[in-house]
Amino acid sequence: MKVKGPYRSEAKAAVHELAADLHEAGLIGKRTMRRFDESCLTPVAPMPPPRIKAIRERERVSQSVFASYLNVTTSLVSQWERGEKNPSGPALKLLALVEKRGLSAVA
């Protein structure tokens, strides 16, 4: 079986495929399927400045390099780490992915 979608393993892809088949057969409702899909996504929660800095330092990169990976400015990364601004939206999602999977997830 080829792994499809956001799933990193064949097992997770198989469970999703089964749920999708049950949905198509009318045995799982649209709401249940939507909740299942949402549960498979990387969670996004507010990220405090020390955690952002810890992620960057764990990856052993400068603010400039980290900013390049996230496609933001070095100044913005600095502001996040000092708590002057808070990441949100796509930037927060990218930070959550980097925290979970490393910079290679967004390279």
PDB file of N, CA and C in Angstrom:
ATOM      1  N   MET A   1       0.828  -1.174   0.000  1.00  0.00           N
ATOM      2  CA  MET A   1       0.000   0.000   0.000  1.00  0.00           C
ATOM      3  C   MET A   1       0.880   1.249   0.000  1.00  0.00           C
ATOM      4  N   LYS A   2       0.579   2.192  -0.845  1.00  0.00           N
ATOM      5  CA  LYS A   2       1.317   3.437  -0.897  1.00  0.00           C
ATOM      6  C   LYS A   2       0.746   4.396   0.137  1.00  0.00           C
ATOM      7  N   VAL A   3       1.620   5.037   0.922  1.00  0.00           N
ATOM      8  CA  VAL A   3       1.186   5.976   1.948  1.00  0.00           C
ATOM      9  C   VAL A   3       0.718   7.249   1.262  1.00  0.00           C
ATOM     10  N   LYS A   4      -0.519   7.674   1.573  1.00  0.00           N
ATOM     11  CA  LYS A   4      -1.102   8.857   0.951  1.00  0.00           C
ATOM     12  C   LYS A   4      -1.426   9.888   2.018  1.00  0.00           C
ATOM     13  N   GLY A   5      -1.519  11.149   1.600  1.00  0.00           N
ATOM     14  CA  GLY A   5      -1.944  12.198   2.499  1.00  0.00           C
ATOM     15  C   GLY A   5      -0.915  12.523   3.565  1.00  0.00           C
ATOM     16  N   PRO A   6      -1.410  13.037   4.705  1.00  0.00           N
ATOM     17  CA  PRO A   6      -0.503  13.480   5.764  1.00  0.00           C
ATOM     18  C   PRO A   6       0.013  12.349   6.639  1.00  0.00           C
ATOM     19  N   TYR A   7      -0.246  11.127   6.267  1.00  0.00           N
ATOM     20  CA  TYR A   7       0.090   9.990   7.111  1.00  0.00           C
ATOM     21  C   TYR A   7       1.507   9.528   6.840  1.00  0.00           C
ATOM     22  N   ARG A   8       2.252   9.293   7.928  1.00  0.00           N
ATOM     23  CA  ARG A   8       3.662   8.925   7.823  1.00  0.00           C
ATOM     24  C   ARG A   8       3.890   7.430   7.871  1.00  0.00           C
ATOM     25  N   SER A   9       2.820   6.660   8.022  1.00  0.00           N
ATOM     26  CA  SER A   9       2.997   5.213   8.081  1.00  0.00           C
ATOM     27  C   SER A   9       1.887   4.533   7.295  1.00  0.00           C
ATOM     28  N   GLU A  10       2.165   3.322   6.883  1.00  0.00           N
ATOM     29  CA  GLU A  10       1.157   2.546   6.167  1.00  0.00           C
ATOM     30  C   GLU A  10      -0.028   2.235   7.064  1.00  0.00           C
ATOM     31  N   ALA A  11       0.229   2.016   8.349  1.00  0.00           N
ATOM     32  CA  ALA A  11      -0.854   1.700   9.283  1.00  0.00           C
ATOM     33  C   ALA A  11      -1.844   2.856   9.373  1.00  0.00           C
ATOM     34  N   LYS A  12      -1.335   4.071   9.533  1.00  0.00           N
ATOM     35  CA  LYS A  12      -2.217   5.233   9.620  1.00  0.00           C
ATOM     36  C   LYS A  12      -2.975   5.444   8.316  1.00  0.00           C
ATOM     37  N   ALA A  13      -2.304   5.240   7.199  1.00  0.00           N
ATOM     38  CA  ALA A  13      -2.960   5.384   5.901  1.00  0.00           C
ATOM     39  C   ALA A  13      -4.056   4.337   5.742  1.00  0.00           C
ATOM     40  N   ALA A  14      -3.806   3.113   6.219  1.00  0.00           N
ATOM     41  CA  ALA A  14      -4.800   2.037   6.119  1.00  0.00           C
ATOM     42  C   ALA A  14      -6.033   2.350   6.966  1.00  0.00           C
ATOM     43  N   VAL A  15      -5.815   2.869   8.169  1.00  0.00           N
ATOM     44  CA  VAL A  15      -6.947   3.230   9.036  1.00  0.00           C
ATOM     45  C   VAL A  15      -7.762   4.332   8.377  1.00  0.00           C
ATOM     46  N   HIS A  16      -7.095   5.308   7.794  1.00  0.00           N
ATOM     47  CA  HIS A  16      -7.821   6.386   7.122  1.00  0.00           C
ATOM     48  C   HIS A  16      -8.594   5.853   5.917  1.00  0.00           C
ATOM     49  N   GLU A  17      -7.975   4.970   5.171  1.00  0.00           N
ATOM     50  CA  GLU A  17      -8.654   4.389   4.008  1.00  0.00           C
ATOM     51  C   GLU A  17      -9.904   3.627   4.442  1.00  0.00           C
ATOM     52  N   LEU A  18      -9.804   2.876   5.535  1.00  0.00           N
ATOM     53  CA  LEU A  18     -10.949   2.139   6.055  1.00  0.00           C
ATOM     54  C   LEU A  18     -12.058   3.101   6.478  1.00  0.00           C
ATOM     55  N   ALA A  19     -11.699   4.162   7.190  1.00  0.00           N
ATOM     56  CA  ALA A  19     -12.694   5.152   7.616  1.00  0.00           C
ATOM     57  C   ALA A  19     -13.357   5.803   6.407  1.00  0.00           C
ATOM     58  N   ALA A  20     -12.576   6.108   5.388  1.00  0.00           N
ATOM     59  CA  ALA A  20     -13.140   6.717   4.177  1.00  0.00           C
ATOM     60  C   ALA A  20     -14.103   5.759   3.483  1.00  0.00           C
ATOM     61  N   ASP A  21     -13.746   4.473   3.454  1.00  0.00           N
ATOM     62  CA  ASP A  21     -14.646   3.473   2.856  1.00  0.00           C
ATOM     63  C   ASP A  21     -15.948   3.358   3.650  1.00  0.00           C
ATOM     64  N   LEU A  22     -15.836   3.375   4.980  1.00  0.00           N
ATOM     65  CA  LEU A  22     -17.038   3.318   5.829  1.00  0.00           C
ATOM     66  C   LEU A  22     -17.905   4.553   5.617  1.00  0.00           C
ATOM     67  N   HIS A  23     -17.260   5.701   5.411  1.00  0.00           N
ATOM     68  CA  HIS A  23     -17.999   6.933   5.133  1.00  0.00           C
ATOM     69  C   HIS A  23     -18.746   6.812   3.801  1.00  0.00           C
ATOM     70  N   GLU A  24     -18.052   6.313   2.786  1.00  0.00           N
ATOM     71  CA  GLU A  24     -18.683   6.140   1.471  1.00  0.00           C
ATOM     72  C   GLU A  24     -19.858   5.173   1.533  1.00  0.00           C
ATOM     73  N   ALA A  25     -19.754   4.162   2.407  1.00  0.00           N
ATOM     74  CA  ALA A  25     -20.820   3.169   2.547  1.00  0.00           C
ATOM     75  C   ALA A  25     -21.968   3.690   3.412  1.00  0.00           C
ATOM     76  N   GLY A  26     -21.802   4.888   3.967  1.00  0.00           N
ATOM     77  CA  GLY A  26     -22.858   5.457   4.791  1.00  0.00           C
ATOM     78  C   GLY A  26     -22.827   5.004   6.239  1.00  0.00           C
ATOM     79  N   LEU A  27     -21.767   4.341   6.652  1.00  0.00           N
ATOM     80  CA  LEU A  27     -21.674   3.833   8.024  1.00  0.00           C
ATOM     81  C   LEU A  27     -21.001   4.824   8.970  1.00  0.00           C
ATOM     82  N   ILE A  28     -20.315   5.811   8.411  1.00  0.00           N
ATOM     83  CA  ILE A  28     -19.711   6.888   9.195  1.00  0.00           C
ATOM     84  C   ILE A  28     -20.222   8.192   8.599  1.00  0.00           C
ATOM     85  N   GLY A  29     -20.731   9.050   9.466  1.00  0.00           N
ATOM     86  CA  GLY A  29     -21.272  10.326   9.009  1.00  0.00           C
ATOM     87  C   GLY A  29     -20.198  11.315   8.613  1.00  0.00           C
ATOM     88  N   LYS A  30     -20.616  12.368   7.943  1.00  0.00           N
ATOM     89  CA  LYS A  30     -19.709  13.414   7.482  1.00  0.00           C
ATOM     90  C   LYS A  30     -18.998  14.079   8.670  1.00  0.00           C
ATOM     91  N   ARG A  31     -19.729  14.347   9.743  1.00  0.00           N
ATOM     92  CA  ARG A  31     -19.144  14.988  10.917  1.00  0.00           C
ATOM     93  C   ARG A  31     -18.063  14.105  11.551  1.00  0.00           C
ATOM     94  N   THR A  32     -18.354  12.814  11.669  1.00  0.00           N
ATOM     95  CA  THR A  32     -17.379  11.884  12.241  1.00  0.00           C
ATOM     96  C   THR A  32     -16.134  11.816  11.371  1.00  0.00           C
ATOM     97  N   MET A  33     -16.320  11.778  10.076  1.00  0.00           N
ATOM     98  CA  MET A  33     -15.175  11.716   9.157  1.00  0.00           C
ATOM     99  C   MET A  33     -14.349  12.993   9.260  1.00  0.00           C
ATOM    100  N   ARG A  34     -15.018  14.137   9.373  1.00  0.00           N
ATOM    101  CA  ARG A  34     -14.305  15.412   9.497  1.00  0.00           C
ATOM    102  C   ARG A  34     -13.491  15.439  10.797  1.00  0.00           C
ATOM    103  N   ARG A  35     -14.086  14.968  11.902  1.00  0.00           N
ATOM    104  CA  ARG A  35     -13.352  14.903  13.174  1.00  0.00           C
ATOM    105  C   ARG A  35     -12.158  13.963  13.073  1.00  0.00           C
ATOM    106  N   PHE A  36     -12.348  12.846  12.388  1.00  0.00           N
ATOM    107  CA  PHE A  36     -11.246  11.899  12.202  1.00  0.00           C
ATOM    108  C   PHE A  36     -10.114  12.560  11.424  1.00  0.00           C
ATOM    109  N   ASP A  37     -10.455  13.231  10.333  1.00  0.00           N
ATOM    110  CA  ASP A  37      -9.436  13.914   9.534  1.00  0.00           C
ATOM    111  C   ASP A  37      -8.698  14.960  10.362  1.00  0.00           C
ATOM    112  N   GLU A  38      -9.437  15.753  11.151  1.00  0.00           N
ATOM    113  CA  GLU A  38      -8.826  16.788  11.979  1.00  0.00           C
ATOM    114  C   GLU A  38      -7.898  16.192  13.023  1.00  0.00           C
ATOM    115  N   SER A  39      -8.251  15.022  13.551  1.00  0.00           N
ATOM    116  CA  SER A  39      -7.419  14.393  14.584  1.00  0.00           C
ATOM    117  C   SER A  39      -6.080  13.919  14.027  1.00  0.00           C
ATOM    118  N   CYS A  40      -5.996  13.771  12.729  1.00  0.00           N
ATOM    119  CA  CYS A  40      -4.755  13.306  12.106  1.00  0.00           C
ATOM    120  C   CYS A  40      -3.790  14.452  11.809  1.00  0.00           C
ATOM    121  N   LEU A  41      -4.253  15.687  11.941  1.00  0.00           N
ATOM    122  CA  LEU A  41      -3.414  16.840  11.643  1.00  0.00           C
ATOM    123  C   LEU A  41      -2.527  17.195  12.833  1.00  0.00           C
ATOM    124  N   THR A  42      -1.415  17.835  12.539  1.00  0.00           N
ATOM    125  CA  THR A  42      -0.534  18.304  13.595  1.00  0.00           C
ATOM    126  C   THR A  42      -1.249  19.403  14.365  1.00  0.00           C
ATOM    127  N   PRO A  43      -1.392  19.260  15.686  1.00  0.00           N
ATOM    128  CA  PRO A  43      -2.099  20.280  16.454  1.00  0.00           C
ATOM    129  C   PRO A  43      -1.330  21.596  16.480  1.00  0.00           C
ATOM    130  N   VAL A  44      -2.087  22.678  16.518  1.00  0.00           N
ATOM    131  CA  VAL A  44      -1.484  24.001  16.558  1.00  0.00           C
ATOM    132  C   VAL A  44      -2.007  24.723  17.795  1.00  0.00           C
ATOM    133  N   ALA A  45      -1.100  25.084  18.675  1.00  0.00           N
ATOM    134  CA  ALA A  45      -1.435  25.815  19.894  1.00  0.00           C
ATOM    135  C   ALA A  45      -0.478  26.993  20.016  1.00  0.00           C
ATOM    136  N   PRO A  46      -0.860  28.007  20.769  1.00  0.00           N
ATOM    137  CA  PRO A  46       0.061  29.131  20.954  1.00  0.00           C
ATOM    138  C   PRO A  46       1.427  28.634  21.432  1.00  0.00           C
ATOM    139  N   MET A  47       2.475  29.325  20.967  1.00  0.00           N
ATOM    140  CA  MET A  47       3.830  28.892  21.276  1.00  0.00           C
ATOM    141  C   MET A  47       4.572  30.021  21.992  1.00  0.00           C
ATOM    142  N   PRO A  48       4.962  29.791  23.253  1.00  0.00           N
ATOM    143  CA  PRO A  48       5.667  30.842  23.994  1.00  0.00           C
ATOM    144  C   PRO A  48       7.084  31.062  23.459  1.00  0.00           C
ATOM    145  N   PRO A  49       7.613  32.264  23.655  1.00  0.00           N
ATOM    146  CA  PRO A  49       8.949  32.604  23.144  1.00  0.00           C
ATOM    147  C   PRO A  49      10.059  31.616  23.509  1.00  0.00           C
ATOM    148  N   PRO A  50      10.156  31.157  24.770  1.00  0.00           N
ATOM    149  CA  PRO A  50      11.255  30.226  25.075  1.00  0.00           C
ATOM    150  C   PRO A  50      11.176  28.923  24.273  1.00  0.00           C
ATOM    151  N   ARG A  51       9.968  28.502  23.950  1.00  0.00           N
ATOM    152  CA  ARG A  51       9.809  27.270  23.169  1.00  0.00           C
ATOM    153  C   ARG A  51      10.282  27.477  21.738  1.00  0.00           C
ATOM    154  N   ILE A  52       9.986  28.631  21.165  1.00  0.00           N
ATOM    155  CA  ILE A  52      10.426  28.930  19.801  1.00  0.00           C
ATOM    156  C   ILE A  52      11.962  28.927  19.745  1.00  0.00           C
ATOM    157  N   LYS A  53      12.561  29.594  20.725  1.00  0.00           N
ATOM    158  CA  LYS A  53      14.021  29.643  20.774  1.00  0.00           C
ATOM    159  C   LYS A  53      14.601  28.245  20.970  1.00  0.00           C
ATOM    160  N   ALA A  54      13.971  27.452  21.811  1.00  0.00           N
ATOM    161  CA  ALA A  54      14.453  26.090  22.064  1.00  0.00           C
ATOM    162  C   ALA A  54      14.392  25.237  20.803  1.00  0.00           C
ATOM    163  N   ILE A  55      13.347  25.414  20.006  1.00  0.00           N
ATOM    164  CA  ILE A  55      13.229  24.670  18.742  1.00  0.00           C
ATOM    165  C   ILE A  55      14.392  25.041  17.823  1.00  0.00           C
ATOM    166  N   ARG A  56      14.619  26.348  17.695  1.00  0.00           N
ATOM    167  CA  ARG A  56      15.699  26.817  16.812  1.00  0.00           C
ATOM    168  C   ARG A  56      17.055  26.313  17.297  1.00  0.00           C
ATOM    169  N   GLU A  57      17.281  26.403  18.585  1.00  0.00           N
ATOM    170  CA  GLU A  57      18.569  25.955  19.127  1.00  0.00           C
ATOM    171  C   GLU A  57      18.733  24.439  19.004  1.00  0.00           C
ATOM    172  N   ARG A  58      17.653  23.701  19.169  1.00  0.00           N
ATOM    173  CA  ARG A  58      17.722  22.245  18.994  1.00  0.00           C
ATOM    174  C   ARG A  58      18.141  21.896  17.571  1.00  0.00           C
ATOM    175  N   GLU A  59      17.678  22.697  16.618  1.00  0.00           N
ATOM    176  CA  GLU A  59      18.018  22.478  15.208  1.00  0.00           C
ATOM    177  C   GLU A  59      19.399  23.035  14.864  1.00  0.00           C
ATOM    178  N   ARG A  60      20.008  23.726  15.810  1.00  0.00           N
ATOM    179  CA  ARG A  60      21.360  24.271  15.651  1.00  0.00           C
ATOM    180  C   ARG A  60      21.505  25.187  14.439  1.00  0.00           C
ATOM    181  N   VAL A  61      20.586  26.156  14.353  1.00  0.00           N
ATOM    182  CA  VAL A  61      20.645  27.136  13.270  1.00  0.00           C
ATOM    183  C   VAL A  61      20.510  28.540  13.856  1.00  0.00           C
ATOM    184  N   SER A  62      21.019  29.501  13.109  1.00  0.00           N
ATOM    185  CA  SER A  62      20.894  30.904  13.512  1.00  0.00           C
ATOM    186  C   SER A  62      19.470  31.388  13.257  1.00  0.00           C
ATOM    187  N   GLN A  63      19.157  32.551  13.788  1.00  0.00           N
ATOM    188  CA  GLN A  63      17.839  33.142  13.522  1.00  0.00           C
ATOM    189  C   GLN A  63      17.647  33.366  12.025  1.00  0.00           C
ATOM    190  N   SER A  64      18.701  33.767  11.362  1.00  0.00           N
ATOM    191  CA  SER A  64      18.628  34.031   9.926  1.00  0.00           C
ATOM    192  C   SER A  64      18.295  32.763   9.130  1.00  0.00           C
ATOM    193  N   VAL A  65      18.973  31.673   9.444  1.00  0.00           N
ATOM    194  CA  VAL A  65      18.722  30.410   8.742  1.00  0.00           C
ATOM    195  C   VAL A  65      17.324  29.893   9.079  1.00  0.00           C
ATOM    196  N   PHE A  66      16.950  29.982  10.353  1.00  0.00           N
ATOM    197  CA  PHE A  66      15.620  29.547  10.782  1.00  0.00           C
ATOM    198  C   PHE A  66      14.546  30.332  10.037  1.00  0.00           C
ATOM    199  N   ALA A  67      14.756  31.646   9.930  1.00  0.00           N
ATOM    200  CA  ALA A  67      13.809  32.508   9.213  1.00  0.00           C
ATOM    201  C   ALA A  67      13.689  32.089   7.748  1.00  0.00           C
ATOM    202  N   SER A  68      14.804  31.736   7.140  1.00  0.00           N
ATOM    203  CA  SER A  68      14.781  31.298   5.741  1.00  0.00           C
ATOM    204  C   SER A  68      13.939  30.036   5.565  1.00  0.00           C
ATOM    205  N   TYR A  69      14.093  29.094   6.475  1.00  0.00           N
ATOM    206  CA  TYR A  69      13.296  27.865   6.403  1.00  0.00           C
ATOM    207  C   TYR A  69      11.801  28.164   6.517  1.00  0.00           C
ATOM    208  N   LEU A  70      11.444  29.124   7.367  1.00  0.00           N
ATOM    209  CA  LEU A  70      10.037  29.435   7.603  1.00  0.00           C
ATOM    210  C   LEU A  70       9.492  30.490   6.640  1.00  0.00           C
ATOM    211  N   ASN A  71      10.381  31.045   5.805  1.00  0.00           N
ATOM    212  CA  ASN A  71      10.020  32.075   4.839  1.00  0.00           C
ATOM    213  C   ASN A  71       9.467  33.329   5.532  1.00  0.00           C
ATOM    214  N   VAL A  72      10.158  33.722   6.601  1.00  0.00           N
ATOM    215  CA  VAL A  72       9.843  34.956   7.314  1.00  0.00           C
ATOM    216  C   VAL A  72      11.148  35.734   7.470  1.00  0.00           C
ATOM    217  N   THR A  73      11.057  36.935   8.017  1.00  0.00           N
ATOM    218  CA  THR A  73      12.269  37.733   8.197  1.00  0.00           C
ATOM    219  C   THR A  73      12.994  37.340   9.490  1.00  0.00           C
ATOM    220  N   THR A  74      14.292  37.620   9.506  1.00  0.00           N
ATOM    221  CA  THR A  74      15.087  37.383  10.706  1.00  0.00           C
ATOM    222  C   THR A  74      14.548  38.230  11.858  1.00  0.00           C
ATOM    223  N   SER A  75      14.144  39.436  11.547  1.00  0.00           N
ATOM    224  CA  SER A  75      13.586  40.328  12.558  1.00  0.00           C
ATOM    225  C   SER A  75      12.341  39.716  13.211  1.00  0.00           C
ATOM    226  N   LEU A  76      11.513  39.067  12.421  1.00  0.00           N
ATOM    227  CA  LEU A  76      10.297  38.456  12.963  1.00  0.00           C
ATOM    228  C   LEU A  76      10.631  37.301  13.900  1.00  0.00           C
ATOM    229  N   VAL A  77      11.599  36.475  13.529  1.00  0.00           N
ATOM    230  CA  VAL A  77      12.018  35.378  14.410  1.00  0.00           C
ATOM    231  C   VAL A  77      12.528  35.964  15.725  1.00  0.00           C
ATOM    232  N   SER A  78      13.317  37.026  15.644  1.00  0.00           N
ATOM    233  CA  SER A  78      13.840  37.686  16.838  1.00  0.00           C
ATOM    234  C   SER A  78      12.691  38.206  17.711  1.00  0.00           C
ATOM    235  N   GLN A  79      11.699  38.809  17.092  1.00  0.00           N
ATOM    236  CA  GLN A  79      10.550  39.322  17.838  1.00  0.00           C
ATOM    237  C   GLN A  79       9.752  38.198  18.494  1.00  0.00           C
ATOM    238  N   TRP A  80       9.617  37.068  17.808  1.00  0.00           N
ATOM    239  CA  TRP A  80       8.937  35.911  18.408  1.00  0.00           C
ATOM    240  C   TRP A  80       9.692  35.450  19.650  1.00  0.00           C
ATOM    241  N   GLU A  81      11.011  35.351  19.530  1.00  0.00           N
ATOM    242  CA  GLU A  81      11.827  34.840  20.630  1.00  0.00           C
ATOM    243  C   GLU A  81      11.865  35.797  21.817  1.00  0.00           C
ATOM    244  N   ARG A  82      11.663  37.091  21.579  1.00  0.00           N
ATOM    245  CA  ARG A  82      11.636  38.077  22.665  1.00  0.00           C
ATOM    246  C   ARG A  82      10.218  38.282  23.199  1.00  0.00           C
ATOM    247  N   GLY A  83       9.215  37.710  22.539  1.00  0.00           N
ATOM    248  CA  GLY A  83       7.836  37.848  22.971  1.00  0.00           C
ATOM    249  C   GLY A  83       7.172  39.143  22.527  1.00  0.00           C
ATOM    250  N   GLU A  84       7.800  39.865  21.605  1.00  0.00           N
ATOM    251  CA  GLU A  84       7.216  41.109  21.108  1.00  0.00           C
ATOM    252  C   GLU A  84       6.069  40.846  20.137  1.00  0.00           C
ATOM    253  N   LYS A  85       6.145  39.734  19.439  1.00  0.00           N
ATOM    254  CA  LYS A  85       5.083  39.306  18.526  1.00  0.00           C
ATOM    255  C   LYS A  85       4.856  37.825  18.742  1.00  0.00           C
ATOM    256  N   ASN A  86       3.666  37.367  18.385  1.00  0.00           N
ATOM    257  CA  ASN A  86       3.328  35.949  18.507  1.00  0.00           C
ATOM    258  C   ASN A  86       3.046  35.359  17.132  1.00  0.00           C
ATOM    259  N   PRO A  87       3.633  34.219  16.827  1.00  0.00           N
ATOM    260  CA  PRO A  87       3.342  33.599  15.525  1.00  0.00           C
ATOM    261  C   PRO A  87       1.880  33.153  15.479  1.00  0.00           C
ATOM    262  N   SER A  88       1.319  33.211  14.294  1.00  0.00           N
ATOM    263  CA  SER A  88      -0.064  32.769  14.118  1.00  0.00           C
ATOM    264  C   SER A  88      -0.226  32.201  12.711  1.00  0.00           C
ATOM    265  N   GLY A  89      -1.349  31.584  12.472  1.00  0.00           N
ATOM    266  CA  GLY A  89      -1.676  31.065  11.153  1.00  0.00           C
ATOM    267  C   GLY A  89      -0.637  30.104  10.615  1.00  0.00           C
ATOM    268  N   PRO A  90      -0.255  30.290   9.342  1.00  0.00           N
ATOM    269  CA  PRO A  90       0.692  29.368   8.703  1.00  0.00           C
ATOM    270  C   PRO A  90       2.044  29.301   9.408  1.00  0.00           C
ATOM    271  N   ALA A  91       2.517  30.428   9.952  1.00  0.00           N
ATOM    272  CA  ALA A  91       3.808  30.421  10.638  1.00  0.00           C
ATOM    273  C   ALA A  91       3.752  29.535  11.877  1.00  0.00           C
ATOM    274  N   LEU A  92       2.645  29.598  12.612  1.00  0.00           N
ATOM    275  CA  LEU A  92       2.494  28.770  13.808  1.00  0.00           C
ATOM    276  C   LEU A  92       2.422  27.294  13.433  1.00  0.00           C
ATOM    277  N   LYS A  93       1.755  26.994  12.331  1.00  0.00           N
ATOM    278  CA  LYS A  93       1.668  25.621  11.848  1.00  0.00           C
ATOM    279  C   LYS A  93       3.060  25.101  11.473  1.00  0.00           C
ATOM    280  N   LEU A  94       3.844  25.932  10.780  1.00  0.00           N
ATOM    281  CA  LEU A  94       5.204  25.535  10.410  1.00  0.00           C
ATOM    282  C   LEU A  94       6.062  25.299  11.644  1.00  0.00           C
ATOM    283  N   LEU A  95       5.932  26.156  12.637  1.00  0.00           N
ATOM    284  CA  LEU A  95       6.699  25.975  13.870  1.00  0.00           C
ATOM    285  C   LEU A  95       6.328  24.658  14.557  1.00  0.00           C
ATOM    286  N   ALA A  96       5.033  24.329  14.569  1.00  0.00           N
ATOM    287  CA  ALA A  96       4.587  23.066  15.170  1.00  0.00           C
ATOM    288  C   ALA A  96       5.166  21.871  14.410  1.00  0.00           C
ATOM    289  N   LEU A  97       5.207  21.971  13.082  1.00  0.00           N
ATOM    290  CA  LEU A  97       5.781  20.888  12.277  1.00  0.00           C
ATOM    291  C   LEU A  97       7.283  20.743  12.524  1.00  0.00           C
ATOM    292  N   VAL A  98       7.982  21.872  12.608  1.00  0.00           N
ATOM    293  CA  VAL A  98       9.420  21.831  12.863  1.00  0.00           C
ATOM    294  C   VAL A  98       9.677  21.258  14.257  1.00  0.00           C
ATOM    295  N   GLU A  99       8.854  21.633  15.214  1.00  0.00           N
ATOM    296  CA  GLU A  99       9.024  21.101  16.570  1.00  0.00           C
ATOM    297  C   GLU A  99       8.851  19.586  16.581  1.00  0.00           C
ATOM    298  N   LYS A 100       7.879  19.103  15.823  1.00  0.00           N
ATOM    299  CA  LYS A 100       7.570  17.670  15.821  1.00  0.00           C
ATOM    300  C   LYS A 100       8.516  16.863  14.945  1.00  0.00           C
ATOM    301  N   ARG A 101       8.863  17.392  13.764  1.00  0.00           N
ATOM    302  CA  ARG A 101       9.606  16.600  12.774  1.00  0.00           C
ATOM    303  C   ARG A 101      10.975  17.138  12.393  1.00  0.00           C
ATOM    304  N   GLY A 102      11.311  18.344  12.856  1.00  0.00           N
ATOM    305  CA  GLY A 102      12.601  18.919  12.508  1.00  0.00           C
ATOM    306  C   GLY A 102      12.519  19.793  11.265  1.00  0.00           C
ATOM    307  N   LEU A 103      13.594  20.518  10.997  1.00  0.00           N
ATOM    308  CA  LEU A 103      13.619  21.422   9.842  1.00  0.00           C
ATOM    309  C   LEU A 103      13.476  20.706   8.515  1.00  0.00           C
ATOM    310  N   SER A 104      13.845  19.447   8.466  1.00  0.00           N
ATOM    311  CA  SER A 104      13.724  18.713   7.209  1.00  0.00           C
ATOM    312  C   SER A 104      12.271  18.615   6.748  1.00  0.00           C
ATOM    313  N   ALA A 105      11.322  18.784   7.664  1.00  0.00           N
ATOM    314  CA  ALA A 105       9.898  18.728   7.310  1.00  0.00           C
ATOM    315  C   ALA A 105       9.465  19.925   6.469  1.00  0.00           C
ATOM    316  N   VAL A 106      10.210  21.030   6.566  1.00  0.00           N
ATOM    317  CA  VAL A 106       9.846  22.207   5.802  1.00  0.00           C
ATOM    318  C   VAL A 106      10.908  22.611   4.790  1.00  0.00           C
ATOM    319  N   ALA A 107      11.918  21.776   4.629  1.00  0.00           N
ATOM    320  CA  ALA A 107      12.999  22.085   3.692  1.00  0.00           C
ATOM    321  C   ALA A 107      12.572  21.883   2.257  1.00  0.00           C
TER     322      ALA A 107
END
